[in-house]
C-alpha cells in the first residue's frame, strides 16, 4: 500500500474524532499517519504495515488510558479545587468546633461563613480553606509563608 493512503486514512480517522468524540479514534488516525511516514522511509509489505498500525494503535491507546486519563481530572462544578487555600480570619467563636469566619475572596458566593476546624481557634486567627463538603467549609490555621 502506498504511503499516502496511510496518511489519508490517518487524516480521515483523526477528523472523524470531531464527529464521534470518544478520544479513541484519534489514536488510530495518528498510528496510521506514523505508518505512512514509516512507509516513506522504508518500504514494507502490507502485512508488516498492518501489524505496525495495529501495534501502534494499541500502544497509543494503552498510553492514553493508562497515563493521560488517570492524571486528568476536571474540577468543573466541584468546590474542592476552586476554593482551597483561600485565606480568611476568624471573627467569632461558636459552640464546639464551629466558628464564624470572613474570607478575602467569596467562597461559594459569600465572604462570611460558619466554618468548622479540628484545631481550636480564637477570634483574629488567620485561617485558610482546607476542604469544602457541600455547604460545609472546613478551615485550618494558615501557615506563614
Protein backbone atom coordinates (compact mmCIF):
# COMPACT_ATOMS: atom_id res chain seq x y z
CA UNK A 1 0.00 0.00 0.00
CA UNK A 2 1.32 3.44 -0.85
CA UNK A 3 2.38 5.78 1.95
CA UNK A 4 -0.15 8.44 1.05
CA UNK A 5 -3.05 6.01 1.56
CA UNK A 6 -1.98 5.61 5.22
CA UNK A 7 -1.69 9.40 5.64
CA UNK A 8 -5.14 9.98 4.10
CA UNK A 9 -6.60 7.21 6.29
CA UNK A 10 -4.97 8.82 9.33
CA UNK A 11 -6.37 12.23 8.48
CA UNK A 12 -9.86 10.78 7.93
CA UNK A 13 -9.74 8.91 11.26
CA UNK A 14 -8.41 11.94 13.10
CA UNK A 15 -11.10 14.15 11.56
CA UNK A 16 -13.74 11.55 12.50
CA UNK A 17 -12.91 12.34 16.14
CA UNK A 18 -14.76 15.63 15.64
CA UNK A 19 -17.97 13.77 14.75
CA UNK A 20 -17.53 10.91 17.26
CA UNK A 21 -15.88 12.50 20.31
CA UNK A 22 -14.52 9.40 22.02
CA UNK A 23 -10.78 10.18 22.19
CA UNK A 24 -10.13 6.70 20.78
CA UNK A 25 -10.39 7.17 17.02
CA UNK A 26 -7.77 9.92 17.07
CA UNK A 27 -5.11 7.43 18.26
CA UNK A 28 -5.94 5.06 15.39
CA UNK A 29 -5.53 8.00 13.00
CA UNK A 30 -2.22 9.06 14.50
CA UNK A 31 -0.97 5.47 14.23
CA UNK A 32 -1.96 5.41 10.55
CA UNK A 33 -0.08 8.66 9.90
CA UNK A 34 3.01 7.21 11.62
CA UNK A 35 2.76 4.11 9.41
CA UNK A 36 2.52 6.37 6.34
CA UNK A 37 5.64 8.28 7.39
CA UNK A 38 7.44 5.00 8.13
CA UNK A 39 6.45 3.68 4.70
CA UNK A 40 8.14 6.64 3.03
CA UNK A 41 11.41 5.86 4.86
CA UNK A 42 11.47 2.08 4.38
CA UNK A 43 9.11 0.18 2.11
CA UNK A 44 7.37 -2.68 3.89
CA UNK A 45 4.93 -5.38 2.87
CA UNK A 46 1.22 -4.85 3.51
CA UNK A 47 1.19 -7.40 6.35
CA UNK A 48 4.03 -5.55 8.11
CA UNK A 49 2.21 -2.24 7.65
CA UNK A 50 -0.97 -3.69 9.16
CA UNK A 51 0.94 -5.19 12.11
CA UNK A 52 2.71 -1.88 12.67
CA UNK A 53 -0.58 0.02 12.56
CA UNK A 54 -2.28 -2.39 14.97
CA UNK A 55 0.69 -2.35 17.34
CA UNK A 56 0.98 1.44 17.35
CA UNK A 57 -2.77 1.77 17.83
CA UNK A 58 -2.68 -0.50 20.87
CA UNK A 59 0.40 1.30 22.20
CA UNK A 60 -1.15 4.77 21.82
CA UNK A 61 -4.47 3.64 23.33
CA UNK A 62 -2.71 1.97 26.27
CA UNK A 63 -0.71 5.15 26.88
CA UNK A 64 -3.90 7.23 26.75
CA UNK A 65 -5.95 5.04 29.08
CA UNK A 66 -3.04 4.22 31.36
CA UNK A 67 -1.46 7.60 31.85
CA UNK A 68 -3.35 10.55 30.42
CA UNK A 69 -6.80 9.51 31.51
CA UNK A 70 -5.67 8.70 35.06
CA UNK A 71 -3.96 12.05 35.64
CA UNK A 72 -6.58 14.30 34.06
CA UNK A 73 -9.35 15.30 36.45
CA UNK A 74 -11.86 18.02 35.84
CA UNK A 75 -12.88 20.18 38.79
CA UNK A 76 -15.74 21.78 36.90
CA UNK A 77 -18.71 22.05 39.25
CA UNK A 78 -16.65 20.96 42.25
CA UNK A 79 -15.73 23.37 45.00
CA UNK A 80 -12.79 21.28 46.18
CA UNK A 81 -10.08 22.59 43.89
CA UNK A 82 -11.56 26.02 43.31
CA UNK A 83 -11.72 27.31 46.89
CA UNK A 84 -8.91 25.51 48.69
CA UNK A 85 -6.26 27.78 50.33
CA UNK A 86 -8.43 30.94 50.22
CA UNK A 87 -7.30 32.98 53.24
CA UNK A 88 -9.62 34.33 55.88
CA UNK A 89 -9.89 35.38 59.51
CA UNK A 90 -11.94 34.02 62.41
CA UNK A 91 -14.36 36.71 63.60
CA UNK A 92 -16.26 34.81 66.29
CA UNK A 93 -16.07 31.55 68.21
CA UNK A 94 -19.27 29.50 68.27
CA UNK A 95 -20.09 26.25 70.10
CA UNK A 96 -17.95 23.13 69.65
CA UNK A 97 -15.60 23.20 66.69
CA UNK A 98 -17.57 25.86 64.83
CA UNK A 99 -16.53 29.44 64.14
CA UNK A 100 -17.66 32.41 62.13
CA UNK A 101 -15.08 33.46 59.53
CA UNK A 102 -14.68 36.12 56.89
CA UNK A 103 -12.65 35.33 53.76
CA UNK A 104 -10.70 37.61 51.42
CA UNK A 105 -12.48 36.16 48.38
CA UNK A 106 -16.02 34.80 48.15
CA UNK A 107 -16.32 31.10 48.96
CA UNK A 108 -19.40 29.53 47.36
CA UNK A 109 -20.72 33.04 46.69
CA UNK A 110 -20.25 34.61 50.16
CA UNK A 111 -17.36 36.02 52.16
CA UNK A 112 -18.82 35.20 55.61
CA UNK A 113 -19.30 31.60 56.68
CA UNK A 114 -19.83 29.43 59.70
CA UNK A 115 -16.84 27.13 59.43
CA UNK A 116 -15.52 24.04 61.17
CA UNK A 117 -11.98 23.28 62.34
CA UNK A 118 -10.34 20.31 64.06
CA UNK A 119 -7.92 22.57 65.91
CA UNK A 120 -9.02 25.17 68.49
CA UNK A 121 -9.10 28.70 67.10
CA UNK A 122 -9.77 32.15 68.52
CA UNK A 123 -11.15 35.37 67.08
CA UNK A 124 -8.50 37.05 64.93
CA UNK A 125 -6.71 33.83 63.93
CA UNK A 126 -5.77 33.65 60.27
CA UNK A 127 -7.15 30.55 58.53
CA UNK A 128 -7.43 29.08 55.05
CA UNK A 129 -9.99 26.83 53.41
CA UNK A 130 -8.91 23.20 53.82
CA UNK A 131 -11.90 21.41 52.33
CA UNK A 132 -15.42 22.09 51.15
CA UNK A 133 -18.08 19.43 51.79
CA UNK A 134 -21.21 20.63 50.04
CA UNK A 135 -22.16 23.69 52.15
CA UNK A 136 -19.71 22.94 54.98
CA UNK A 137 -16.43 24.84 54.85
CA UNK A 138 -13.56 23.26 56.80
CA UNK A 139 -10.63 25.51 57.68
CA UNK A 140 -7.17 25.15 59.19
CA UNK A 141 -4.76 27.62 60.74
CA UNK A 142 -2.92 29.49 57.98
CA UNK A 143 0.73 28.60 57.66
CA UNK A 144 3.11 31.54 57.49
CA UNK A 145 4.92 31.82 54.17
